[in-house]
Protein backbone atom coordinates (compact mmCIF):
# COMPACT_ATOMS: atom_id res chain seq x y z
CA UNK A 1 -8.65 -25.24 23.77
CA UNK A 2 -6.96 -22.95 21.23
CA UNK A 3 -5.13 -24.28 18.22
CA UNK A 4 -2.80 -22.53 15.83
CA UNK A 5 -3.84 -22.64 12.21
CA UNK A 6 -1.69 -21.75 9.22
CA UNK A 7 -2.07 -18.43 7.51
CA UNK A 8 -4.04 -18.56 4.27
CA UNK A 9 -2.44 -19.87 1.10
CA UNK A 10 0.59 -17.99 -0.16
CA UNK A 11 -0.31 -15.82 -3.12
CA UNK A 12 -3.99 -15.57 -2.31
CA UNK A 13 -5.67 -12.64 -0.66
CA UNK A 14 -8.03 -13.93 1.97
CA UNK A 15 -10.57 -11.10 1.91
CA UNK A 16 -11.02 -10.93 -1.87
CA UNK A 17 -11.02 -14.73 -2.08
CA UNK A 18 -13.84 -14.62 0.46
CA UNK A 19 -15.85 -12.19 -1.68
CA UNK A 20 -15.53 -14.78 -4.45
CA UNK A 21 -17.84 -17.09 -2.51
CA UNK A 22 -20.60 -15.29 -4.41
CA UNK A 23 -19.73 -15.39 -8.08
CA UNK A 24 -21.37 -14.08 -11.24
CA UNK A 25 -22.82 -11.18 -9.23
CA UNK A 26 -24.16 -9.48 -12.37
CA UNK A 27 -25.39 -12.65 -14.07
CA UNK A 28 -26.91 -15.77 -12.57
CA UNK A 29 -25.33 -15.44 -9.13
CA UNK A 30 -23.78 -18.59 -7.68
CA UNK A 31 -23.69 -18.87 -3.87
CA UNK A 32 -20.67 -20.96 -2.92
CA UNK A 33 -21.39 -20.99 0.83
CA UNK A 34 -25.10 -21.93 0.78
CA UNK A 35 -25.02 -23.74 4.13
CA UNK A 36 -23.17 -23.35 7.42
CA UNK A 37 -21.24 -26.55 6.67
CA UNK A 38 -19.93 -25.10 3.39
CA UNK A 39 -18.62 -22.05 5.29
CA UNK A 40 -16.82 -24.39 7.70
CA UNK A 41 -15.28 -26.15 4.68
CA UNK A 42 -14.22 -22.86 3.06
CA UNK A 43 -12.62 -21.60 6.25
CA UNK A 44 -10.68 -24.86 6.63
CA UNK A 45 -9.23 -24.53 3.12
CA UNK A 46 -7.87 -21.11 4.11
CA UNK A 47 -6.34 -22.32 7.36
CA UNK A 48 -9.11 -21.01 9.61
CA UNK A 49 -10.62 -24.30 10.73
CA UNK A 50 -13.63 -24.09 13.03
CA UNK A 51 -15.69 -26.91 14.52
CA UNK A 52 -19.14 -25.68 13.57
CA UNK A 53 -21.21 -22.81 12.23
CA UNK A 54 -24.78 -21.75 12.92
CA UNK A 55 -27.16 -20.20 10.39
CA UNK A 56 -26.79 -16.88 12.28
CA UNK A 57 -22.99 -17.06 11.92
CA UNK A 58 -23.41 -17.80 8.20
CA UNK A 59 -25.51 -14.63 7.94
CA UNK A 60 -22.73 -12.66 9.68
CA UNK A 61 -20.20 -14.12 7.24
CA UNK A 62 -22.30 -13.20 4.20
CA UNK A 63 -22.82 -9.68 5.56
CA UNK A 64 -19.04 -9.33 5.95
CA UNK A 65 -18.48 -10.72 2.46
CA UNK A 66 -20.82 -8.15 0.94
CA UNK A 67 -19.30 -5.32 3.00
CA UNK A 68 -15.78 -6.22 1.85
CA UNK A 69 -16.99 -6.47 -1.74
CA UNK A 70 -18.68 -3.04 -1.54
CA UNK A 71 -15.64 -1.39 0.04
CA UNK A 72 -13.18 -3.11 -2.31
CA UNK A 73 -15.27 -2.10 -5.33
CA UNK A 74 -15.33 1.50 -4.14
CA UNK A 75 -11.57 1.45 -3.53
CA UNK A 76 -10.89 -0.13 -6.94
CA UNK A 77 -12.92 2.58 -8.68
CA UNK A 78 -11.51 5.33 -6.45
CA UNK A 79 -14.93 6.02 -4.97
CA UNK A 80 -15.94 6.78 -1.41
CA UNK A 81 -16.13 3.78 0.87
CA UNK A 82 -19.73 3.01 1.86
CA UNK A 83 -20.23 3.89 5.54
CA UNK A 84 -22.30 0.76 6.20
CA UNK A 85 -19.60 -1.47 4.70
CA UNK A 86 -16.90 0.22 6.78
CA UNK A 87 -19.00 -0.26 9.93
CA UNK A 88 -19.55 -3.98 9.24
CA UNK A 89 -15.87 -4.61 8.45
CA UNK A 90 -14.70 -2.76 11.57
CA UNK A 91 -17.29 -4.52 13.73
CA UNK A 92 -16.26 -7.99 12.54
CA UNK A 93 -12.59 -7.13 12.95
CA UNK A 94 -13.10 -5.97 16.53
CA UNK A 95 -15.36 -8.82 17.67
CA UNK A 96 -12.99 -11.70 17.09
CA UNK A 97 -10.35 -12.97 19.43
CA UNK A 98 -7.96 -14.30 16.81
CA UNK A 99 -4.34 -13.67 17.58
CA UNK A 100 -1.43 -13.54 15.18
CA UNK A 101 1.42 -15.63 16.54
CA UNK A 102 4.98 -16.08 15.33
CA UNK A 103 6.22 -19.64 14.90
CA UNK A 104 9.82 -20.72 15.59
CA UNK A 105 10.18 -20.93 11.78
CA UNK A 106 9.42 -17.22 11.48
CA UNK A 107 5.94 -17.66 9.99
CA UNK A 108 2.75 -15.93 11.04
CA UNK A 109 -0.09 -18.23 12.12
CA UNK A 110 -3.53 -17.45 13.45
CA UNK A 111 -4.73 -18.75 16.78
CA UNK A 112 -8.50 -18.89 16.99
CA UNK A 113 -10.41 -19.06 20.26
CA UNK A 114 -12.38 -22.30 20.55
CA UNK A 115 -15.50 -20.67 22.05
CA UNK A 116 -16.37 -18.50 19.05
CA UNK A 117 -14.36 -19.89 16.17
CA UNK A 118 -16.48 -18.45 13.35
CA UNK A 119 -16.38 -14.92 14.79
CA UNK A 120 -12.61 -15.27 15.22
CA UNK A 121 -12.21 -16.45 11.62
CA UNK A 122 -14.37 -13.56 10.39
CA UNK A 123 -12.16 -11.12 12.32
CA UNK A 124 -9.12 -12.45 10.45
CA UNK A 125 -10.92 -11.99 7.12
CA UNK A 126 -12.03 -8.48 8.11
CA UNK A 127 -8.51 -7.52 9.20
CA UNK A 128 -7.16 -8.75 5.87
CA UNK A 129 -9.82 -6.69 4.09
CA UNK A 130 -8.80 -3.61 6.05
CA UNK A 131 -5.16 -4.14 5.08
CA UNK A 132 -6.00 -4.56 1.38
CA UNK A 133 -8.54 -1.73 1.13
CA UNK A 134 -6.27 0.65 3.06
CA UNK A 135 -3.50 0.05 0.51
CA UNK A 136 -1.07 -1.52 2.97
CA UNK A 137 -0.16 -4.41 0.67
CA UNK A 138 1.89 -4.44 -2.50
CA UNK A 139 -0.62 -4.68 -5.33
CA UNK A 140 -3.81 -3.01 -6.45
CA UNK A 141 -7.51 -3.68 -6.10
CA UNK A 142 -9.24 -4.26 -9.42
CA UNK A 143 -12.58 -5.48 -10.71
CA UNK A 144 -12.92 -8.46 -13.03
CA UNK A 145 -13.43 -7.38 -16.64
CA UNK A 146 -16.16 -9.99 -17.13
CA UNK A 147 -19.46 -8.09 -17.34
CA UNK A 148 -21.31 -10.84 -15.45
CA UNK A 149 -18.69 -11.23 -12.72
CA UNK A 150 -17.17 -7.88 -11.69
CA UNK A 151 -15.52 -9.55 -8.67
CA UNK A 152 -13.02 -7.53 -6.69
CA UNK A 153 -9.56 -9.05 -6.76
CA UNK A 154 -6.09 -8.04 -5.67
CA UNK A 155 -3.66 -7.72 -8.57
CA UNK A 156 -0.09 -8.54 -7.63
CA UNK A 157 1.12 -9.09 -11.20
CA UNK A 158 4.32 -7.29 -12.11
CA UNK A 159 2.57 -4.81 -14.41
CA UNK A 160 -0.60 -4.54 -12.27
CA UNK A 161 -2.71 -4.95 -15.44
CA UNK A 162 -4.48 -8.24 -14.72
CA UNK A 163 -8.06 -8.14 -16.08
CA UNK A 164 -9.74 -11.25 -14.71
CA UNK A 165 -10.43 -12.43 -11.17
CA UNK A 166 -9.46 -15.91 -12.35
CA UNK A 167 -7.98 -16.74 -15.73
CA UNK A 168 -9.29 -20.31 -15.50
CA UNK A 169 -12.91 -19.15 -15.31
CA UNK A 170 -13.65 -15.59 -16.36
CA UNK A 171 -10.57 -15.13 -18.51
CA UNK A 172 -11.06 -18.36 -20.43
CA UNK A 173 -14.78 -17.69 -20.84
CA UNK A 174 -14.04 -14.28 -22.39
CA UNK A 175 -11.27 -15.67 -24.61
CA UNK A 176 -13.61 -18.42 -25.81
CA UNK A 177 -16.36 -15.89 -26.58
CA UNK A 178 -13.91 -13.74 -28.59
CA UNK A 179 -12.64 -16.80 -30.47
CA UNK A 180 -16.17 -17.89 -31.37
CA UNK A 181 -17.13 -14.37 -32.45
CA UNK A 182 -14.05 -14.20 -34.69
CA UNK A 183 -14.88 -17.61 -36.20
CA UNK A 184 -18.44 -16.46 -36.95
CA UNK A 185 -17.10 -13.25 -38.50
CA UNK A 186 -14.61 -15.21 -40.62
CA UNK A 187 -17.34 -17.65 -41.71
CA UNK A 188 -19.66 -14.76 -42.61
CA UNK A 189 -16.97 -13.01 -44.66
CA UNK A 190 -16.07 -16.26 -46.48
CA UNK A 191 -19.61 -16.63 -47.82
């Protein structure tokens, strides 16, 4: 049985959102998909619902996540794409049987095969990564300015000068640190 699932949330970029499932990469890393069940939950949020996930499929997902992050980081810094990352992304893209379908409302939806749902979902993520890294979308790849994060994100702001992967986390943390440093400096100069 195949079911159509909605495309990922408007305004988000699936592949770079997926790389965000490992945050604080240069600090105390936080794994946001520590179990197969958490990957199932994450996929459902992005409209790629699957029934189950094995530990081996979770390993494939994490390998894809790291490959997209490596390739996106290289693209954001105008470096050469790592051959291993390119191979993993292409492999995951080719292995899935997800199909883009057009709804009567003119929207694109993904149809995942029921036999290998996780592999199909990973192929959608890989295909999105290919589109972003190849420069086919309106925006630019950038790296979060937080020294502990450095997450790859896709900047679609008008000026293409966004600095943080997420203003609610990294941006606010950096603003708070600057504010506290300025308060300390003001307190020191008042003495």
